[in-house]
Amino acid sequence: MGIRSRRRTRDWAAALPRDVLWTILSLVPQDDILRTAGLVCASWRRLALDEPLLWRRIDLPAEKDKDGYPPAMWKARACAAVRRSAGRCESYRGRVNRDFLLFLAGNAPSLRSLHVTSRFDMLDEKFMTVLAKKLPMLEELVMSKGRIEHSSLAALVDHCPRLQLLDAGGCHTFNSTGVSLQARLESKIKDLRLPRLQDVRLRGRIGLVRAVPFPPPTGRLGRQLKPVGM
């Protein structure tokens, strides 16, 4: 096989219109594109690198931790996806940590939806304030698991004026939200699901955690989700 023949084989999609290529590639899971699918041929690679709209909505499923550690290269792939969006990312669903959240907020000024699929603890009020100020367009925030302090909730409601949906029902807290903060949250956020309240009781050397059901969510979430309890 000659050099020209090999090149034609490598770029079998070169003759296809760009919109057809875009449609095909948009059906491929983004994580697969970042791993290997984007290297199938030169045309796919160019489109995967140069078409920001392909990365407007980023969905990277969180793989399970191995021996307590996150999967290798997850952050590199997530950052690559955000870079390829060229500032046009409006939705991100996937694993996060503090460094990546700051990177995302700094490179996705139009972010409207954030769905955190890995554990993330919202304990640092200063960090959450800095982060929230970088996300003025945020309308939806879903937290899958982790611990949340009330000061972090206050930072979100104070600095994300467009926030309409906050689902933290998969998370927990050790202190009651309080009437004042809950009233603020309910007055500004249409669909609200607060973290579970956990009561830690120590008996001898064994720590027993009891999850106390929180008041049911309000708005559309209240109609779709059942109250959380254990």
Foldseek 3Di string as FASTA:
>chain_A
DDPVVVLCVQAVPPPPDPVVLLVVVLVDQLVCCLPPPCRSHPSSVCCQQAPLVSLQAHADAFDDADPPHGDPCPLVSVLSSLVSNQQNHQYYAEADELVSLVSNLVRHQNHAYYEHPDEYAADDLVSLLVSLQSHQNHAEYHHQEYEYDLSSVVSNVVRNQNHAYYHDQNYEYADDNDPVSVVSCVVRHQWDHDYWHWHWDDDPPDIDIATDWDPAIHHPNSVVDDTDHD
